[in-house]
Amino acid sequence: MFVAYRAMENRAMQAARDAGYTDITLAQARIGQRIGPAGTRLTELAEQAQVTKQTAGFLVDQLESAGYVERVPDPDDGRARLIRLAPRGTEVAEVANAEVARMEQEWADHLGPTGYRELRRALEKLREITDPYR
């Protein structure tokens, strides 16, 4: 599973670079891909990425400087801030997601419709016991 995931991650990053987003690193992308649609707190990003809060903060600072994310007040807690994608971050996410969709289609073509459907079903079932953020 790791090899397939790494291949997909590398293809998504290459698609981003090919589209002109050359100033984002893999570590930054791994933080960025965890940002929810309404924004995510830094502590949650750090936990999900399995890095320290300081490391996550450093990466978010870099992403913010490059225009990929922005910090906004948390509507549920006036003292807290949310990290959310800025328009540039949404653009690069769309590029990466399109490449992931192309790769998933390649996998479906290779495995056949039934094989791919079974793979997806099995991975979703495994997520029930492996993904605390599902």
Protein backbone atom coordinates (compact mmCIF):
# COMPACT_ATOMS: atom_id res chain seq x y z
CA MET A 1 0.00 0.00 0.00
CA PHE A 2 2.86 2.35 0.79
CA VAL A 3 4.45 1.94 -2.64
CA ALA A 4 1.15 2.71 -4.40
CA TYR A 5 0.52 5.71 -2.14
CA ARG A 6 4.05 7.05 -2.66
CA ALA A 7 3.67 6.72 -6.43
CA MET A 8 0.43 8.70 -6.28
CA GLU A 9 1.97 11.34 -4.03
CA ASN A 10 4.95 11.73 -6.36
CA ARG A 11 2.71 12.07 -9.42
CA ALA A 12 0.56 14.70 -7.71
CA MET A 13 3.66 16.68 -6.73
CA GLN A 14 5.07 16.44 -10.26
CA ALA A 15 1.76 17.66 -11.70
CA ALA A 16 1.90 20.64 -9.35
CA ARG A 17 5.47 21.43 -10.41
CA ASP A 18 4.57 21.03 -14.09
CA ALA A 19 1.71 23.50 -13.57
CA GLY A 20 4.16 26.08 -12.21
CA TYR A 21 3.80 25.49 -8.47
CA THR A 22 7.51 24.98 -7.93
CA ASP A 23 7.75 26.57 -4.49
CA ILE A 24 5.85 23.93 -2.51
CA THR A 25 7.64 21.03 -0.87
CA LEU A 26 6.35 17.56 -0.13
CA ALA A 27 6.36 18.29 3.61
CA GLN A 28 4.29 21.42 3.03
CA ALA A 29 1.89 19.52 0.76
CA ARG A 30 1.40 16.85 3.41
CA ILE A 31 0.25 19.56 5.82
CA GLY A 32 -1.84 21.34 3.20
CA GLN A 33 -3.73 18.21 2.15
CA ARG A 34 -5.05 17.87 5.70
CA ILE A 35 -6.73 21.27 5.75
CA GLY A 36 -10.50 20.87 5.86
CA PRO A 37 -12.91 22.91 3.72
CA ALA A 38 -13.79 25.27 6.60
CA GLY A 39 -10.22 25.38 7.91
CA THR A 40 -8.31 23.37 10.49
CA ARG A 41 -6.54 24.29 13.69
CA LEU A 42 -2.76 24.03 13.74
CA THR A 43 -2.82 21.47 16.56
CA GLU A 44 -5.09 19.22 14.48
CA LEU A 45 -2.81 19.54 11.45
CA ALA A 46 0.20 18.61 13.54
CA GLU A 47 -1.57 15.61 15.04
CA GLN A 48 -2.84 14.34 11.70
CA ALA A 49 0.55 14.81 10.02
CA GLN A 50 2.28 13.24 13.03
CA VAL A 51 4.66 16.14 13.49
CA THR A 52 5.23 18.52 16.37
CA LYS A 53 3.15 21.66 16.65
CA GLN A 54 6.34 23.64 16.04
CA THR A 55 7.05 21.75 12.81
CA ALA A 56 3.48 22.20 11.61
CA GLY A 57 3.66 25.90 12.49
CA PHE A 58 6.90 26.29 10.56
CA LEU A 59 5.40 24.59 7.48
CA VAL A 60 2.19 26.64 7.72
CA ASP A 61 4.29 29.83 7.99
CA GLN A 62 6.04 28.85 4.75
CA LEU A 63 2.75 28.04 3.04
CA GLU A 64 1.29 31.34 4.20
CA SER A 65 4.30 33.30 2.93
CA ALA A 66 3.93 31.63 -0.47
CA GLY A 67 0.21 32.44 -0.59
CA TYR A 68 -1.12 28.88 -0.29
CA VAL A 69 -2.89 29.26 3.07
CA GLU A 70 -4.25 31.93 5.33
CA ARG A 71 -4.95 32.17 9.04
CA VAL A 72 -8.45 33.27 10.01
CA PRO A 73 -10.30 33.57 13.33
CA ASP A 74 -12.05 30.41 14.49
CA PRO A 75 -15.78 31.26 14.64
CA ASP A 76 -16.20 28.73 17.47
CA ASP A 77 -13.39 30.14 19.63
CA GLY A 78 -12.35 33.76 19.40
CA ARG A 79 -8.91 32.98 20.82
CA ALA A 80 -8.11 30.32 18.22
CA ARG A 81 -7.14 30.60 14.55
CA LEU A 82 -7.93 28.31 11.66
CA ILE A 83 -5.65 27.52 8.77
CA ARG A 84 -7.51 27.42 5.47
CA LEU A 85 -6.53 27.25 1.85
CA ALA A 86 -6.07 30.58 0.10
CA PRO A 87 -7.08 30.79 -3.57
CA ARG A 88 -3.58 29.75 -4.65
CA GLY A 89 -3.77 26.73 -2.35
CA THR A 90 -7.12 25.76 -3.83
CA GLU A 91 -5.64 26.01 -7.32
CA VAL A 92 -2.70 23.71 -6.58
CA ALA A 93 -5.02 21.28 -4.76
CA GLU A 94 -7.19 21.11 -7.90
CA VAL A 95 -4.13 20.31 -10.01
CA ALA A 96 -2.99 17.60 -7.61
CA ASN A 97 -6.49 16.14 -7.24
CA ALA A 98 -6.89 15.96 -11.01
CA GLU A 99 -3.66 13.96 -11.23
CA VAL A 100 -4.86 11.64 -8.46
CA ALA A 101 -8.09 11.09 -10.41
CA ARG A 102 -6.08 10.24 -13.55
CA MET A 103 -3.99 7.77 -11.58
CA GLU A 104 -7.07 6.17 -10.04
CA GLN A 105 -8.45 5.71 -13.55
CA GLU A 106 -5.17 4.05 -14.59
CA TRP A 107 -5.50 1.69 -11.63
CA ALA A 108 -9.11 0.94 -12.56
CA ASP A 109 -8.07 0.23 -16.15
CA HIS A 110 -5.27 -2.06 -14.95
CA LEU A 111 -7.32 -3.95 -12.36
CA GLY A 112 -10.59 -3.96 -14.26
CA PRO A 113 -13.86 -2.55 -12.93
CA THR A 114 -14.51 -5.40 -10.48
CA GLY A 115 -10.94 -5.52 -9.20
CA TYR A 116 -10.81 -1.77 -8.65
CA ARG A 117 -14.21 -1.73 -6.95
CA GLU A 118 -13.05 -4.54 -4.62
CA LEU A 119 -9.80 -2.68 -3.88
CA ARG A 120 -11.70 0.50 -2.97
CA ARG A 121 -14.16 -1.43 -0.82
CA ALA A 122 -11.35 -3.24 1.02
CA LEU A 123 -9.40 -0.03 1.64
CA GLU A 124 -12.51 1.76 2.90
CA LYS A 125 -13.19 -1.18 5.22
CA LEU A 126 -9.62 -1.06 6.54
CA ARG A 127 -10.02 2.66 7.16
CA GLU A 128 -12.61 1.82 9.81
CA ILE A 129 -9.88 0.32 11.99
CA THR A 130 -6.83 2.29 10.90
CA ASP A 131 -7.82 5.94 10.40
CA PRO A 132 -8.63 7.91 13.55
CA TYR A 133 -9.53 10.94 11.35
CA ARG A 134 -12.06 9.24 9.05
